[in-house]
Amino acid sequence: MSGRDPGRLRERVTIETPVRTADGAGGASVGWSALATVRAEVISFKGTTLAATEREEAREPYRVVIRYRDDVTAEMRLRWRGRVLDISGRHDPDGHGRWLAIECEARP
């Protein structure tokens, strides 16, 4: 991945961070705030179906590659083409701080 062509970053994704707001009853509600909109390569993998209690839930896995950032965490999410992608992991594929590969699943 060290030779990745920046021209492959054809998509725009928005990195969103959770914002917790006290609900006045000792709990909190979670909203989302845009951290940044960045260029990305979005790679779709074949969707899988997982059994979830009494119903089946379709999961659509993606890998999103962006220029390296050290502020992306698994508690954040991505928004791409109106879809919400939950982050399940992230890594620096070549170890040189040039690219960040983010493993995600689209919400059903």
PDB file of N, CA and C in Angstrom:
ATOM      1  N   MET A   1       0.823  -1.188   0.000  1.00  0.00           N
ATOM      2  CA  MET A   1       0.000   0.000   0.000  1.00  0.00           C
ATOM      3  C   MET A   1       0.867   1.252   0.000  1.00  0.00           C
ATOM      4  N   SER A   2       2.167   1.096   0.170  1.00  0.00           N
ATOM      5  CA  SER A   2       3.038   2.266   0.217  1.00  0.00           C
ATOM      6  C   SER A   2       3.022   3.033  -1.089  1.00  0.00           C
ATOM      7  N   GLY A   3       2.744   2.380  -2.217  1.00  0.00           N
ATOM      8  CA  GLY A   3       2.723   3.048  -3.489  1.00  0.00           C
ATOM      9  C   GLY A   3       1.334   3.504  -3.901  1.00  0.00           C
ATOM     10  N   ARG A   4       0.421   3.639  -2.964  1.00  0.00           N
ATOM     11  CA  ARG A   4      -0.968   4.012  -3.251  1.00  0.00           C
ATOM     12  C   ARG A   4      -1.003   5.335  -4.014  1.00  0.00           C
ATOM     13  N   ASP A   5      -1.815   5.365  -5.053  1.00  0.00           N
ATOM     14  CA  ASP A   5      -1.981   6.537  -5.891  1.00  0.00           C
ATOM     15  C   ASP A   5      -2.998   7.479  -5.255  1.00  0.00           C
ATOM     16  N   PRO A   6      -2.609   8.714  -4.923  1.00  0.00           N
ATOM     17  CA  PRO A   6      -3.565   9.657  -4.335  1.00  0.00           C
ATOM     18  C   PRO A   6      -4.773   9.914  -5.241  1.00  0.00           C
ATOM     19  N   GLY A   7      -4.639   9.647  -6.543  1.00  0.00           N
ATOM     20  CA  GLY A   7      -5.750   9.803  -7.467  1.00  0.00           C
ATOM     21  C   GLY A   7      -6.883   8.824  -7.217  1.00  0.00           C
ATOM     22  N   ARG A   8      -6.624   7.796  -6.427  1.00  0.00           N
ATOM     23  CA  ARG A   8      -7.675   6.820  -6.092  1.00  0.00           C
ATOM     24  C   ARG A   8      -8.605   7.346  -5.004  1.00  0.00           C
ATOM     25  N   LEU A   9      -8.271   8.471  -4.393  1.00  0.00           N
ATOM     26  CA  LEU A   9      -9.105   9.052  -3.337  1.00  0.00           C
ATOM     27  C   LEU A   9     -10.209   9.877  -4.002  1.00  0.00           C
ATOM     28  N   ARG A  10     -11.156   9.192  -4.627  1.00  0.00           N
ATOM     29  CA  ARG A  10     -12.190   9.842  -5.434  1.00  0.00           C
ATOM     30  C   ARG A  10     -13.462  10.179  -4.666  1.00  0.00           C
ATOM     31  N   GLU A  11     -13.614   9.609  -3.503  1.00  0.00           N
ATOM     32  CA  GLU A  11     -14.838   9.814  -2.721  1.00  0.00           C
ATOM     33  C   GLU A  11     -14.591  10.828  -1.607  1.00  0.00           C
ATOM     34  N   ARG A  12     -15.668  11.360  -1.090  1.00  0.00           N
ATOM     35  CA  ARG A  12     -15.590  12.229   0.094  1.00  0.00           C
ATOM     36  C   ARG A  12     -16.336  11.536   1.220  1.00  0.00           C
ATOM     37  N   VAL A  13     -15.685  11.444   2.371  1.00  0.00           N
ATOM     38  CA  VAL A  13     -16.337  10.895   3.556  1.00  0.00           C
ATOM     39  C   VAL A  13     -16.213  11.921   4.680  1.00  0.00           C
ATOM     40  N   THR A  14     -17.203  11.922   5.532  1.00  0.00           N
ATOM     41  CA  THR A  14     -17.186  12.806   6.691  1.00  0.00           C
ATOM     42  C   THR A  14     -16.919  11.965   7.930  1.00  0.00           C
ATOM     43  N   ILE A  15     -15.922  12.355   8.680  1.00  0.00           N
ATOM     44  CA  ILE A  15     -15.611  11.704   9.954  1.00  0.00           C
ATOM     45  C   ILE A  15     -16.467  12.393  11.007  1.00  0.00           C
ATOM     46  N   GLU A  16     -17.256  11.601  11.735  1.00  0.00           N
ATOM     47  CA  GLU A  16     -18.132  12.157  12.767  1.00  0.00           C
ATOM     48  C   GLU A  16     -17.714  11.643  14.137  1.00  0.00           C
ATOM     49  N   THR A  17     -17.796  12.533  15.102  1.00  0.00           N
ATOM     50  CA  THR A  17     -17.428  12.192  16.475  1.00  0.00           C
ATOM     51  C   THR A  17     -18.663  12.281  17.367  1.00  0.00           C
ATOM     52  N   PRO A  18     -18.793  11.392  18.352  1.00  0.00           N
ATOM     53  CA  PRO A  18     -19.969  11.442  19.225  1.00  0.00           C
ATOM     54  C   PRO A  18     -19.931  12.654  20.157  1.00  0.00           C
ATOM     55  N   VAL A  19     -21.114  13.213  20.373  1.00  0.00           N
ATOM     56  CA  VAL A  19     -21.268  14.325  21.304  1.00  0.00           C
ATOM     57  C   VAL A  19     -22.320  13.902  22.309  1.00  0.00           C
ATOM     58  N   ARG A  20     -21.912  13.775  23.571  1.00  0.00           N
ATOM     59  CA  ARG A  20     -22.841  13.350  24.615  1.00  0.00           C
ATOM     60  C   ARG A  20     -23.426  14.572  25.320  1.00  0.00           C
ATOM     61  N   THR A  21     -24.755  14.538  25.495  1.00  0.00           N
ATOM     62  CA  THR A  21     -25.455  15.633  26.151  1.00  0.00           C
ATOM     63  C   THR A  21     -26.244  15.061  27.319  1.00  0.00           C
ATOM     64  N   ALA A  22     -26.058  15.635  28.503  1.00  0.00           N
ATOM     65  CA  ALA A  22     -26.796  15.179  29.688  1.00  0.00           C
ATOM     66  C   ALA A  22     -28.290  15.342  29.458  1.00  0.00           C
ATOM     67  N   ASP A  23     -29.068  14.317  29.867  1.00  0.00           N
ATOM     68  CA  ASP A  23     -30.515  14.379  29.661  1.00  0.00           C
ATOM     69  C   ASP A  23     -31.266  14.887  30.886  1.00  0.00           C
ATOM     70  N   GLY A  24     -30.552  15.238  31.954  1.00  0.00           N
ATOM     71  CA  GLY A  24     -31.186  15.768  33.156  1.00  0.00           C
ATOM     72  C   GLY A  24     -31.692  14.691  34.099  1.00  0.00           C
ATOM     73  N   ALA A  25     -31.652  13.442  33.699  1.00  0.00           N
ATOM     74  CA  ALA A  25     -32.127  12.348  34.540  1.00  0.00           C
ATOM     75  C   ALA A  25     -30.987  11.395  34.894  1.00  0.00           C
ATOM     76  N   GLY A  26     -29.760  11.896  34.793  1.00  0.00           N
ATOM     77  CA  GLY A  26     -28.604  11.072  35.131  1.00  0.00           C
ATOM     78  C   GLY A  26     -28.014  10.319  33.953  1.00  0.00           C
ATOM     79  N   GLY A  27     -28.650  10.399  32.812  1.00  0.00           N
ATOM     80  CA  GLY A  27     -28.151   9.729  31.612  1.00  0.00           C
ATOM     81  C   GLY A  27     -27.658  10.742  30.597  1.00  0.00           C
ATOM     82  N   ALA A  28     -27.475  10.286  29.409  1.00  0.00           N
ATOM     83  CA  ALA A  28     -27.022  11.175  28.349  1.00  0.00           C
ATOM     84  C   ALA A  28     -27.541  10.682  27.005  1.00  0.00           C
ATOM     85  N   SER A  29     -27.741  11.612  26.105  1.00  0.00           N
ATOM     86  CA  SER A  29     -28.080  11.247  24.736  1.00  0.00           C
ATOM     87  C   SER A  29     -26.846  11.504  23.877  1.00  0.00           C
ATOM     88  N   VAL A  30     -26.755  10.759  22.793  1.00  0.00           N
ATOM     89  CA  VAL A  30     -25.591  10.884  21.928  1.00  0.00           C
ATOM     90  C   VAL A  30     -26.022  11.452  20.587  1.00  0.00           C
ATOM     91  N   GLY A  31     -25.347  12.523  20.198  1.00  0.00           N
ATOM     92  CA  GLY A  31     -25.526  13.106  18.875  1.00  0.00           C
ATOM     93  C   GLY A  31     -24.189  13.003  18.161  1.00  0.00           C
ATOM     94  N   TRP A  32     -24.129  13.481  16.943  1.00  0.00           N
ATOM     95  CA  TRP A  32     -22.907  13.374  16.157  1.00  0.00           C
ATOM     96  C   TRP A  32     -22.523  14.726  15.587  1.00  0.00           C
ATOM     97  N   SER A  33     -21.232  14.984  15.574  1.00  0.00           N
ATOM     98  CA  SER A  33     -20.699  16.238  15.058  1.00  0.00           C
ATOM     99  C   SER A  33     -19.614  15.929  14.033  1.00  0.00           C
ATOM    100  N   ALA A  34     -19.620  16.671  12.925  1.00  0.00           N
ATOM    101  CA  ALA A  34     -18.610  16.465  11.886  1.00  0.00           C
ATOM    102  C   ALA A  34     -17.251  16.950  12.374  1.00  0.00           C
ATOM    103  N   LEU A  35     -16.260  16.076  12.299  1.00  0.00           N
ATOM    104  CA  LEU A  35     -14.887  16.421  12.647  1.00  0.00           C
ATOM    105  C   LEU A  35     -14.160  16.946  11.417  1.00  0.00           C
ATOM    106  N   ALA A  36     -14.331  16.235  10.285  1.00  0.00           N
ATOM    107  CA  ALA A  36     -13.667  16.633   9.043  1.00  0.00           C
ATOM    108  C   ALA A  36     -14.291  15.893   7.874  1.00  0.00           C
ATOM    109  N   THR A  37     -14.232  16.503   6.705  1.00  0.00           N
ATOM    110  CA  THR A  37     -14.589  15.822   5.465  1.00  0.00           C
ATOM    111  C   THR A  37     -13.301  15.645   4.688  1.00  0.00           C
ATOM    112  N   VAL A  38     -13.022  14.398   4.293  1.00  0.00           N
ATOM    113  CA  VAL A  38     -11.740  14.066   3.673  1.00  0.00           C
ATOM    114  C   VAL A  38     -11.955  13.270   2.396  1.00  0.00           C
ATOM    115  N   ARG A  39     -10.953  13.264   1.540  1.00  0.00           N
ATOM    116  CA  ARG A  39     -10.950  12.442   0.333  1.00  0.00           C
ATOM    117  C   ARG A  39     -10.630  11.008   0.741  1.00  0.00           C
ATOM    118  N   ALA A  40     -11.244  10.045   0.050  1.00  0.00           N
ATOM    119  CA  ALA A  40     -11.071   8.650   0.448  1.00  0.00           C
ATOM    120  C   ALA A  40     -11.242   7.710  -0.737  1.00  0.00           C
ATOM    121  N   GLU A  41     -10.676   6.531  -0.562  1.00  0.00           N
ATOM    122  CA  GLU A  41     -10.977   5.405  -1.433  1.00  0.00           C
ATOM    123  C   GLU A  41     -11.881   4.493  -0.608  1.00  0.00           C
ATOM    124  N   VAL A  42     -13.063   4.177  -1.137  1.00  0.00           N
ATOM    125  CA  VAL A  42     -14.018   3.336  -0.421  1.00  0.00           C
ATOM    126  C   VAL A  42     -14.102   2.000  -1.148  1.00  0.00           C
ATOM    127  N   ILE A  43     -13.779   0.927  -0.428  1.00  0.00           N
ATOM    128  CA  ILE A  43     -13.752  -0.405  -0.994  1.00  0.00           C
ATOM    129  C   ILE A  43     -14.859  -1.223  -0.330  1.00  0.00           C
ATOM    130  N   SER A  44     -15.784  -1.720  -1.138  1.00  0.00           N
ATOM    131  CA  SER A  44     -16.889  -2.522  -0.626  1.00  0.00           C
ATOM    132  C   SER A  44     -16.532  -3.997  -0.714  1.00  0.00           C
ATOM    133  N   PHE A  45     -16.883  -4.744   0.314  1.00  0.00           N
ATOM    134  CA  PHE A  45     -16.709  -6.186   0.316  1.00  0.00           C
ATOM    135  C   PHE A  45     -18.094  -6.809   0.252  1.00  0.00           C
ATOM    136  N   LYS A  46     -18.156  -8.051  -0.114  1.00  0.00           N
ATOM    137  CA  LYS A  46     -19.443  -8.735  -0.188  1.00  0.00           C
ATOM    138  C   LYS A  46     -20.126  -8.704   1.171  1.00  0.00           C
ATOM    139  N   GLY A  47     -21.397  -8.337   1.182  1.00  0.00           N
ATOM    140  CA  GLY A  47     -22.156  -8.300   2.428  1.00  0.00           C
ATOM    141  C   GLY A  47     -22.359  -9.685   3.001  1.00  0.00           C
ATOM    142  N   THR A  48     -22.494  -9.756   4.303  1.00  0.00           N
ATOM    143  CA  THR A  48     -22.746 -11.019   4.974  1.00  0.00           C
ATOM    144  C   THR A  48     -24.031 -10.894   5.774  1.00  0.00           C
ATOM    145  N   THR A  49     -24.618 -12.009   6.083  1.00  0.00           N
ATOM    146  CA  THR A  49     -25.820 -12.016   6.909  1.00  0.00           C
ATOM    147  C   THR A  49     -25.488 -12.717   8.210  1.00  0.00           C
ATOM    148  N   LEU A  50     -25.750 -12.043   9.309  1.00  0.00           N
ATOM    149  CA  LEU A  50     -25.473 -12.592  10.633  1.00  0.00           C
ATOM    150  C   LEU A  50     -26.786 -12.824  11.363  1.00  0.00           C
ATOM    151  N   ALA A  51     -26.889 -13.931  12.074  1.00  0.00           N
ATOM    152  CA  ALA A  51     -28.083 -14.175  12.881  1.00  0.00           C
ATOM    153  C   ALA A  51     -28.014 -13.279  14.107  1.00  0.00           C
ATOM    154  N   ALA A  52     -29.062 -12.530  14.334  1.00  0.00           N
ATOM    155  CA  ALA A  52     -29.124 -11.630  15.489  1.00  0.00           C
ATOM    156  C   ALA A  52     -30.433 -11.905  16.216  1.00  0.00           C
ATOM    157  N   THR A  53     -30.331 -12.561  17.332  1.00  0.00           N
ATOM    158  CA  THR A  53     -31.480 -12.996  18.138  1.00  0.00           C
ATOM    159  C   THR A  53     -32.515 -13.676  17.253  1.00  0.00           C
ATOM    160  N   GLU A  54     -33.654 -13.023  16.989  1.00  0.00           N
ATOM    161  CA  GLU A  54     -34.720 -13.674  16.241  1.00  0.00           C
ATOM    162  C   GLU A  54     -34.832 -13.196  14.802  1.00  0.00           C
ATOM    163  N   ARG A  55     -33.929 -12.345  14.374  1.00  0.00           N
ATOM    164  CA  ARG A  55     -34.002 -11.874  12.997  1.00  0.00           C
ATOM    165  C   ARG A  55     -32.608 -11.889  12.390  1.00  0.00           C
ATOM    166  N   GLU A  56     -32.553 -11.843  11.088  1.00  0.00           N
ATOM    167  CA  GLU A  56     -31.264 -11.781  10.427  1.00  0.00           C
ATOM    168  C   GLU A  56     -30.962 -10.325  10.098  1.00  0.00           C
ATOM    169  N   GLU A  57     -29.711  -9.966  10.236  1.00  0.00           N
ATOM    170  CA  GLU A  57     -29.313  -8.588  10.038  1.00  0.00           C
ATOM    171  C   GLU A  57     -28.196  -8.555   9.001  1.00  0.00           C
ATOM    172  N   ALA A  58     -28.407  -7.823   7.926  1.00  0.00           N
ATOM    173  CA  ALA A  58     -27.396  -7.722   6.873  1.00  0.00           C
ATOM    174  C   ALA A  58     -26.312  -6.737   7.303  1.00  0.00           C
ATOM    175  N   ARG A  59     -25.076  -7.130   7.128  1.00  0.00           N
ATOM    176  CA  ARG A  59     -23.924  -6.277   7.406  1.00  0.00           C
ATOM    177  C   ARG A  59     -23.168  -6.090   6.114  1.00  0.00           C
ATOM    178  N   GLU A  60     -22.793  -4.886   5.823  1.00  0.00           N
ATOM    179  CA  GLU A  60     -22.055  -4.608   4.608  1.00  0.00           C
ATOM    180  C   GLU A  60     -20.689  -4.051   4.989  1.00  0.00           C
ATOM    181  N   PRO A  61     -19.635  -4.853   4.852  1.00  0.00           N
ATOM    182  CA  PRO A  61     -18.305  -4.403   5.260  1.00  0.00           C
ATOM    183  C   PRO A  61     -17.630  -3.531   4.193  1.00  0.00           C
ATOM    184  N   TYR A  62     -16.873  -2.552   4.676  1.00  0.00           N
ATOM    185  CA  TYR A  62     -16.122  -1.633   3.821  1.00  0.00           C
ATOM    186  C   TYR A  62     -14.733  -1.427   4.400  1.00  0.00           C
ATOM    187  N   ARG A  63     -13.813  -1.070   3.522  1.00  0.00           N
ATOM    188  CA  ARG A  63     -12.517  -0.531   3.942  1.00  0.00           C
ATOM    189  C   ARG A  63     -12.441   0.850   3.319  1.00  0.00           C
ATOM    190  N   VAL A  64     -12.160   1.844   4.145  1.00  0.00           N
ATOM    191  CA  VAL A  64     -12.038   3.222   3.691  1.00  0.00           C
ATOM    192  C   VAL A  64     -10.589   3.640   3.922  1.00  0.00           C
ATOM    193  N   VAL A  65      -9.922   4.079   2.859  1.00  0.00           N
ATOM    194  CA  VAL A  65      -8.524   4.498   2.962  1.00  0.00           C
ATOM    195  C   VAL A  65      -8.461   6.009   2.788  1.00  0.00           C
ATOM    196  N   ILE A  66      -7.840   6.674   3.758  1.00  0.00           N
ATOM    197  CA  ILE A  66      -7.670   8.124   3.717  1.00  0.00           C
ATOM    198  C   ILE A  66      -6.202   8.447   3.988  1.00  0.00           C
ATOM    199  N   ARG A  67      -5.827   9.692   3.792  1.00  0.00           N
ATOM    200  CA  ARG A  67      -4.493  10.115   4.214  1.00  0.00           C
ATOM    201  C   ARG A  67      -4.433   9.981   5.733  1.00  0.00           C
ATOM    202  N   TYR A  68      -3.261   9.670   6.247  1.00  0.00           N
ATOM    203  CA  TYR A  68      -3.121   9.344   7.660  1.00  0.00           C
ATOM    204  C   TYR A  68      -3.572  10.481   8.570  1.00  0.00           C
ATOM    205  N   ARG A  69      -4.318  10.125   9.588  1.00  0.00           N
ATOM    206  CA  ARG A  69      -4.725  11.021  10.686  1.00  0.00           C
ATOM    207  C   ARG A  69      -4.597  10.206  11.960  1.00  0.00           C
ATOM    208  N   ASP A  70      -4.140  10.836  13.034  1.00  0.00           N
ATOM    209  CA  ASP A  70      -4.023  10.093  14.288  1.00  0.00           C
ATOM    210  C   ASP A  70      -5.198  10.332  15.227  1.00  0.00           C
ATOM    211  N   ASP A  71      -6.211  11.089  14.759  1.00  0.00           N
ATOM    212  CA  ASP A  71      -7.337  11.418  15.635  1.00  0.00           C
ATOM    213  C   ASP A  71      -8.590  10.597  15.348  1.00  0.00           C
ATOM    214  N   VAL A  72      -8.517   9.579  14.512  1.00  0.00           N
ATOM    215  CA  VAL A  72      -9.677   8.737  14.211  1.00  0.00           C
ATOM    216  C   VAL A  72      -9.681   7.554  15.176  1.00  0.00           C
ATOM    217  N   THR A  73     -10.821   7.360  15.873  1.00  0.00           N
ATOM    218  CA  THR A  73     -10.934   6.264  16.837  1.00  0.00           C
ATOM    219  C   THR A  73     -12.137   5.383  16.495  1.00  0.00           C
ATOM    220  N   ALA A  74     -12.201   4.223  17.107  1.00  0.00           N
ATOM    221  CA  ALA A  74     -13.294   3.280  16.860  1.00  0.00           C
ATOM    222  C   ALA A  74     -14.634   3.771  17.396  1.00  0.00           C
ATOM    223  N   GLU A  75     -14.640   4.774  18.264  1.00  0.00           N
ATOM    224  CA  GLU A  75     -15.939   5.263  18.743  1.00  0.00           C
ATOM    225  C   GLU A  75     -16.551   6.277  17.783  1.00  0.00           C
ATOM    226  N   MET A  76     -15.810   6.656  16.757  1.00  0.00           N
ATOM    227  CA  MET A  76     -16.318   7.570  15.735  1.00  0.00           C
ATOM    228  C   MET A  76     -17.039   6.774  14.651  1.00  0.00           C
ATOM    229  N   ARG A  77     -17.567   7.482  13.673  1.00  0.00           N
ATOM    230  CA  ARG A  77     -18.196   6.842  12.529  1.00  0.00           C
ATOM    231  C   ARG A  77     -17.912   7.682  11.292  1.00  0.00           C
ATOM    232  N   LEU A  78     -18.201   7.093  10.139  1.00  0.00           N
ATOM    233  CA  LEU A  78     -18.039   7.800   8.881  1.00  0.00           C
ATOM    234  C   LEU A  78     -19.402   7.951   8.232  1.00  0.00           C
ATOM    235  N   ARG A  79     -19.565   9.004   7.456  1.00  0.00           N
ATOM    236  CA  ARG A  79     -20.777   9.181   6.660  1.00  0.00           C
ATOM    237  C   ARG A  79     -20.321   9.289   5.206  1.00  0.00           C
ATOM    238  N   TRP A  80     -20.902   8.421   4.360  1.00  0.00           N
ATOM    239  CA  TRP A  80     -20.520   8.357   2.960  1.00  0.00           C
ATOM    240  C   TRP A  80     -21.762   8.141   2.115  1.00  0.00           C
ATOM    241  N   ARG A  81     -21.995   9.036   1.175  1.00  0.00           N
ATOM    242  CA  ARG A  81     -23.151   8.937   0.276  1.00  0.00           C
ATOM    243  C   ARG A  81     -24.456   8.700   1.022  1.00  0.00           C
ATOM    244  N   GLY A  82     -24.616   9.377   2.148  1.00  0.00           N
ATOM    245  CA  GLY A  82     -25.836   9.256   2.941  1.00  0.00           C
ATOM    246  C   GLY A  82     -25.895   8.029   3.836  1.00  0.00           C
ATOM    247  N   ARG A  83     -24.881   7.197   3.797  1.00  0.00           N
ATOM    248  CA  ARG A  83     -24.841   5.986   4.630  1.00  0.00           C
ATOM    249  C   ARG A  83     -23.966   6.228   5.846  1.00  0.00           C
ATOM    250  N   VAL A  84     -24.313   5.565   6.937  1.00  0.00           N
ATOM    251  CA  VAL A  84     -23.509   5.613   8.154  1.00  0.00           C
ATOM    252  C   VAL A  84     -22.660   4.349   8.207  1.00  0.00           C
ATOM    253  N   LEU A  85     -21.345   4.540   8.368  1.00  0.00           N
ATOM    254  CA  LEU A  85     -20.404   3.429   8.466  1.00  0.00           C
ATOM    255  C   LEU A  85     -19.805   3.420   9.868  1.00  0.00           C
ATOM    256  N   ASP A  86     -20.101   2.386  10.636  1.00  0.00           N
ATOM    257  CA  ASP A  86     -19.542   2.240  11.981  1.00  0.00           C
ATOM    258  C   ASP A  86     -18.114   1.728  11.871  1.00  0.00           C
ATOM    259  N   ILE A  87     -17.196   2.351  12.573  1.00  0.00           N
ATOM    260  CA  ILE A  87     -15.793   1.969  12.526  1.00  0.00           C
ATOM    261  C   ILE A  87     -15.553   0.786  13.458  1.00  0.00           C
ATOM    262  N   SER A  88     -14.940  -0.279  12.914  1.00  0.00           N
ATOM    263  CA  SER A  88     -14.619  -1.436  13.743  1.00  0.00           C
ATOM    264  C   SER A  88     -13.119  -1.566  13.991  1.00  0.00           C
ATOM    265  N   GLY A  89     -12.319  -0.878  13.207  1.00  0.00           N
ATOM    266  CA  GLY A  89     -10.873  -0.928  13.403  1.00  0.00           C
ATOM    267  C   GLY A  89     -10.174   0.022  12.460  1.00  0.00           C
ATOM    268  N   ARG A  90      -8.904   0.268  12.736  1.00  0.00           N
ATOM    269  CA  ARG A  90      -8.109   1.152  11.888  1.00  0.00           C
ATOM    270  C   ARG A  90      -6.656   0.746  11.997  1.00  0.00           C
ATOM    271  N   HIS A  91      -5.890   0.963  10.930  1.00  0.00           N
ATOM    272  CA  HIS A  91      -4.465   0.667  10.993  1.00  0.00           C
ATOM    273  C   HIS A  91      -3.705   1.441   9.910  1.00  0.00           C
ATOM    274  N   ASP A  92      -2.418   1.585  10.135  1.00  0.00           N
ATOM    275  CA  ASP A  92      -1.493   2.212   9.196  1.00  0.00           C
ATOM    276  C   ASP A  92      -0.906   1.074   8.371  1.00  0.00           C
ATOM    277  N   PRO A  93      -1.384   0.854   7.133  1.00  0.00           N
ATOM    278  CA  PRO A  93      -1.019  -0.351   6.397  1.00  0.00           C
ATOM    279  C   PRO A  93       0.456  -0.498   6.057  1.00  0.00           C
ATOM    280  N   ASP A  94       1.174   0.592   5.870  1.00  0.00           N
ATOM    281  CA  ASP A  94       2.594   0.450   5.524  1.00  0.00           C
ATOM    282  C   ASP A  94       3.526   0.887   6.647  1.00  0.00           C
ATOM    283  N   GLY A  95       2.957   1.353   7.761  1.00  0.00           N
ATOM    284  CA  GLY A  95       3.765   1.738   8.917  1.00  0.00           C
ATOM    285  C   GLY A  95       4.539   3.031   8.752  1.00  0.00           C
ATOM    286  N   HIS A  96       4.210   3.811   7.718  1.00  0.00           N
ATOM    287  CA  HIS A  96       4.947   5.045   7.456  1.00  0.00           C
ATOM    288  C   HIS A  96       4.130   6.311   7.698  1.00  0.00           C
ATOM    289  N   GLY A  97       2.928   6.178   8.221  1.00  0.00           N
ATOM    290  CA  GLY A  97       2.116   7.355   8.514  1.00  0.00           C
ATOM    291  C   GLY A  97       1.645   8.102   7.278  1.00  0.00           C
ATOM    292  N   ARG A  98       1.471   7.383   6.168  1.00  0.00           N
ATOM    293  CA  ARG A  98       0.982   8.021   4.944  1.00  0.00           C
ATOM    294  C   ARG A  98      -0.507   7.774   4.734  1.00  0.00           C
ATOM    295  N   TRP A  99      -0.947   6.562   5.052  1.00  0.00           N
ATOM    296  CA  TRP A  99      -2.329   6.155   4.809  1.00  0.00           C
ATOM    297  C   TRP A  99      -2.942   5.584   6.075  1.00  0.00           C
ATOM    298  N   LEU A 100      -4.259   5.705   6.170  1.00  0.00           N
ATOM    299  CA  LEU A 100      -4.993   5.103   7.273  1.00  0.00           C
ATOM    300  C   LEU A 100      -6.097   4.256   6.652  1.00  0.00           C
ATOM    301  N   ALA A 101      -6.087   2.957   6.918  1.00  0.00           N
ATOM    302  CA  ALA A 101      -7.136   2.049   6.457  1.00  0.00           C
ATOM    303  C   ALA A 101      -8.121   1.869   7.604  1.00  0.00           C
ATOM    304  N   ILE A 102      -9.380   2.167   7.339  1.00  0.00           N
ATOM    305  CA  ILE A 102     -10.424   2.105   8.358  1.00  0.00           C
ATOM    306  C   ILE A 102     -11.401   1.003   7.973  1.00  0.00           C
ATOM    307  N   GLU A 103     -11.544   0.014   8.852  1.00  0.00           N
ATOM    308  CA  GLU A 103     -12.497  -1.078   8.623  1.00  0.00           C
ATOM    309  C   GLU A 103     -13.854  -0.624   9.176  1.00  0.00           C
ATOM    310  N   CYS A 104     -14.899  -0.794   8.382  1.00  0.00           N
ATOM    311  CA  CYS A 104     -16.225  -0.298   8.761  1.00  0.00           C
ATOM    312  C   CYS A 104     -17.303  -1.306   8.377  1.00  0.00           C
ATOM    313  N   GLU A 105     -18.482  -1.091   8.945  1.00  0.00           N
ATOM    314  CA  GLU A 105     -19.683  -1.810   8.545  1.00  0.00           C
ATOM    315  C   GLU A 105     -20.796  -0.801   8.372  1.00  0.00           C
ATOM    316  N   ALA A 106     -21.514  -0.907   7.249  1.00  0.00           N
ATOM    317  CA  ALA A 106     -22.661  -0.030   7.014  1.00  0.00           C
ATOM    318  C   ALA A 106     -23.819  -0.474   7.889  1.00  0.00           C
ATOM    319  N   ARG A 107     -24.523   0.483   8.428  1.00  0.00           N
ATOM    320  CA  ARG A 107     -25.700   0.155   9.231  1.00  0.00           C
ATOM    321  C   ARG A 107     -26.805  -0.338   8.299  1.00  0.00           C
ATOM    322  N   PRO A 108     -27.528  -1.370   8.743  1.00  0.00           N
ATOM    323  CA  PRO A 108     -28.638  -1.890   7.901  1.00  0.00           C
ATOM    324  C   PRO A 108     -29.783  -0.896   7.818  1.00  0.00           C
TER     325      PRO A 108
END
